[in-house]
Amino acid sequence: MIRIIVIYLSLMVLSSCKNESKEKESLPVEAVTTYYLIRHAEKDRSDSTNTNPALTERGLERAQLWASYFDSIPLDKLYSTNYIRTQQTAQFISENKSLPIEIYDPKTLVTEEFKKKTKGQRILIVGHSNTTPMLVNHILETGTFEDIPDDDNSRLYIIQIKKEKKSANIEKVELKKDTL
């Protein structure tokens, strides 16, 4: 009789564990939204009157470095301003990921609709020394980040949003010294 009670109780406990496990599996996983923001690679400065220059050889090397960096990172969307240098920076990533480059206006990109549309996604935004930190500040709803120094094309801002919690990190993705 004791054996039957022990078996019965064991089955009850196991059954309870299975139900808990199924309940946990059926709960929705909270979506994490990740924004990656970079400045365009090094631009040609040989003609000071050119407001839309292409990338230099070093800039093209950096654009390839960005493509390598993002090679193992899944992306859902890729945004670039409508400038040659930002589009060239995004081009290798676009080709590697088979993602179209979506053109954006930095003044109007970060809206409530944009945040809702990109929720739970991984987004790469290619911008400029002034617009990239501005967008980071808009996404984070802060004024923390200042313009990127003109000689710095290596910053990567990573913003993660889960529920209402927002975090931001800055990484440096440098070209190898021998490519200088």
Protein backbone atom coordinates (compact mmCIF):
# COMPACT_ATOMS: atom_id res chain seq x y z
CA MET A 1 0.00 0.00 0.00
CA ILE A 2 2.84 2.39 0.84
CA ARG A 3 4.39 1.64 -2.54
CA ILE A 4 1.19 2.62 -4.30
CA ILE A 5 1.03 5.90 -2.36
CA VAL A 6 4.70 6.65 -3.18
CA ILE A 7 4.14 5.88 -6.86
CA TYR A 8 0.97 7.97 -6.90
CA LEU A 9 2.73 10.93 -5.26
CA SER A 10 5.70 10.60 -7.62
CA LEU A 11 3.39 10.67 -10.63
CA MET A 12 1.63 13.73 -9.23
CA VAL A 13 4.94 15.57 -8.77
CA LEU A 14 6.16 14.62 -12.26
CA SER A 15 2.87 15.64 -13.78
CA SER A 16 3.05 18.97 -11.98
CA CYS A 17 6.61 19.57 -13.27
CA LYS A 18 5.55 18.83 -16.84
CA ASN A 19 2.64 21.26 -16.60
CA GLU A 20 4.94 23.99 -15.21
CA SER A 21 7.39 23.35 -18.01
CA LYS A 22 4.63 23.60 -20.64
CA GLU A 23 3.35 26.81 -19.07
CA LYS A 24 6.85 28.33 -19.20
CA GLU A 25 7.24 27.25 -22.84
CA SER A 26 3.95 28.89 -23.79
CA LEU A 27 4.82 32.24 -22.17
CA PRO A 28 5.87 34.81 -24.76
CA VAL A 29 9.59 35.58 -24.78
CA GLU A 30 10.16 39.29 -24.27
CA ALA A 31 11.48 40.80 -27.48
CA VAL A 32 14.89 42.45 -27.36
CA THR A 33 15.39 45.29 -29.81
CA THR A 34 18.98 45.98 -30.81
CA TYR A 35 20.13 49.05 -32.70
CA TYR A 36 23.66 49.20 -34.10
CA LEU A 37 24.77 52.65 -35.17
CA ILE A 38 27.97 53.50 -37.01
CA ARG A 39 29.43 56.49 -38.75
CA HIS A 40 30.41 56.19 -42.41
CA ALA A 41 33.97 55.11 -43.16
CA GLU A 42 36.78 57.52 -44.11
CA LYS A 43 35.72 59.92 -46.87
CA ASP A 44 37.77 61.61 -49.58
CA ARG A 45 38.72 65.08 -48.34
CA SER A 46 40.82 66.11 -51.37
CA ASP A 47 38.17 68.53 -52.68
CA SER A 48 36.80 70.76 -49.92
CA THR A 49 33.97 71.94 -52.17
CA ASN A 50 32.61 68.39 -52.64
CA THR A 51 29.71 67.95 -50.20
CA ASN A 52 29.08 64.34 -51.23
CA PRO A 53 32.46 62.61 -51.51
CA ALA A 54 33.07 58.88 -51.90
CA LEU A 55 35.16 56.77 -49.56
CA THR A 56 38.95 56.65 -49.75
CA GLU A 57 40.82 53.34 -50.13
CA ARG A 58 41.13 53.24 -46.36
CA GLY A 59 37.40 53.95 -46.11
CA LEU A 60 36.65 51.02 -48.42
CA GLU A 61 38.85 48.82 -46.21
CA ARG A 62 36.87 49.95 -43.17
CA ALA A 63 33.57 49.31 -44.98
CA GLN A 64 34.78 45.75 -45.61
CA LEU A 65 35.80 45.51 -41.95
CA TRP A 66 32.26 46.52 -40.93
CA ALA A 67 30.88 43.83 -43.25
CA SER A 68 33.16 41.25 -41.60
CA TYR A 69 32.16 42.47 -38.15
CA PHE A 70 28.45 42.08 -38.90
CA ASP A 71 28.91 38.82 -40.80
CA SER A 72 27.92 36.70 -37.79
CA ILE A 73 25.35 39.17 -36.40
CA PRO A 74 21.82 38.70 -37.73
CA LEU A 75 20.28 41.93 -39.02
CA ASP A 76 16.67 42.61 -39.95
CA LYS A 77 17.05 46.05 -41.53
CA LEU A 78 19.84 48.28 -42.81
CA TYR A 79 19.47 52.06 -42.96
CA SER A 80 21.73 54.67 -44.56
CA THR A 81 21.47 58.35 -45.30
CA ASN A 82 21.35 59.37 -48.95
CA TYR A 83 25.07 60.16 -49.25
CA ILE A 84 27.64 58.27 -51.29
CA ARG A 85 29.93 57.68 -48.29
CA THR A 86 27.21 56.20 -46.05
CA GLN A 87 25.82 54.04 -48.84
CA GLN A 88 29.31 52.78 -49.71
CA THR A 89 29.86 51.95 -46.03
CA ALA A 90 26.60 49.98 -45.96
CA GLN A 91 27.05 48.34 -49.38
CA PHE A 92 29.27 45.38 -48.38
CA ILE A 93 26.97 44.60 -45.45
CA SER A 94 23.95 44.84 -47.73
CA GLU A 95 25.50 42.39 -50.20
CA ASN A 96 26.61 39.93 -47.48
CA LYS A 97 23.21 39.97 -45.78
CA SER A 98 21.07 40.26 -48.91
CA LEU A 99 19.39 43.22 -47.24
CA PRO A 100 18.31 46.33 -49.12
CA ILE A 101 19.67 49.65 -47.94
CA GLU A 102 16.76 51.76 -46.76
CA ILE A 103 17.36 55.50 -47.10
CA TYR A 104 16.43 57.63 -44.10
CA ASP A 105 16.39 61.24 -43.01
CA PRO A 106 18.17 61.60 -39.63
CA LYS A 107 15.76 64.35 -38.57
CA THR A 108 12.70 62.13 -38.93
CA LEU A 109 13.87 58.52 -38.47
CA VAL A 110 13.33 57.91 -34.77
CA THR A 111 9.60 58.20 -34.18
CA GLU A 112 7.18 56.17 -32.09
CA GLU A 113 6.13 54.41 -35.30
CA PHE A 114 9.78 53.53 -36.06
CA LYS A 115 10.30 52.17 -32.54
CA LYS A 116 7.11 50.10 -32.81
CA LYS A 117 7.98 48.85 -36.31
CA THR A 118 11.50 47.77 -35.27
CA LYS A 119 10.57 46.26 -31.89
CA GLY A 120 12.28 42.90 -31.41
CA GLN A 121 14.50 43.43 -34.45
CA ARG A 122 18.22 44.02 -35.04
CA ILE A 123 18.75 47.24 -36.95
CA LEU A 124 21.94 48.76 -38.38
CA ILE A 125 21.95 52.50 -39.02
CA VAL A 126 24.82 54.14 -40.93
CA GLY A 127 25.12 57.88 -40.38
CA HIS A 128 27.49 60.74 -39.78
CA SER A 129 29.65 62.22 -37.01
CA ASN A 130 26.77 64.41 -35.83
CA THR A 131 23.69 62.37 -36.75
CA THR A 132 24.80 59.05 -35.26
CA PRO A 133 25.08 60.31 -31.64
CA MET A 134 21.92 62.38 -32.20
CA LEU A 135 20.01 59.21 -33.14
CA VAL A 136 21.47 57.34 -30.16
CA ASN A 137 20.21 60.16 -27.94
CA HIS A 138 16.74 60.04 -29.55
CA ILE A 139 16.46 56.27 -29.13
CA LEU A 140 17.64 56.44 -25.51
CA GLU A 141 15.68 59.65 -24.84
CA THR A 142 18.77 61.28 -23.38
CA GLY A 143 21.33 63.93 -24.27
CA THR A 144 24.35 61.94 -23.21
CA PHE A 145 26.24 61.45 -26.46
CA GLU A 146 28.16 64.21 -28.25
CA ASP A 147 29.26 64.42 -31.87
CA ILE A 148 31.93 61.94 -32.94
CA PRO A 149 35.39 63.50 -33.44
CA ASP A 150 36.09 64.06 -37.12
CA ASP A 151 38.98 61.58 -37.18
CA ASP A 152 37.01 58.71 -35.58
CA ASN A 153 35.30 56.28 -37.94
CA SER A 154 35.60 53.27 -35.65
CA ARG A 155 32.75 53.75 -33.15
CA LEU A 156 29.95 51.28 -32.88
CA TYR A 157 27.02 52.20 -30.66
CA ILE A 158 24.99 49.21 -29.51
CA ILE A 159 21.62 49.94 -27.94
CA GLN A 160 19.50 47.18 -26.48
CA ILE A 161 15.94 47.63 -25.33
CA LYS A 162 14.02 45.00 -23.39
CA LYS A 163 10.67 46.09 -22.01
CA GLU A 164 11.41 49.57 -20.69
CA LYS A 165 15.06 48.89 -19.85
CA LYS A 166 17.56 50.52 -22.23
CA SER A 167 21.30 50.00 -22.31
CA ALA A 168 24.01 51.43 -24.52
CA ASN A 169 27.60 50.41 -25.18
CA ILE A 170 30.26 51.88 -27.41
CA GLU A 171 32.82 49.62 -29.04
CA LYS A 172 35.78 50.53 -31.21
CA VAL A 173 36.25 48.47 -34.36
CA GLU A 174 39.70 49.38 -35.60
CA LEU A 175 41.50 48.65 -38.83
CA LYS A 176 44.79 46.80 -38.42
CA LYS A 177 47.76 49.12 -38.09
CA ASP A 178 49.49 47.63 -41.12
CA THR A 179 46.72 48.95 -43.36
CA LEU A 180 47.56 52.57 -42.53
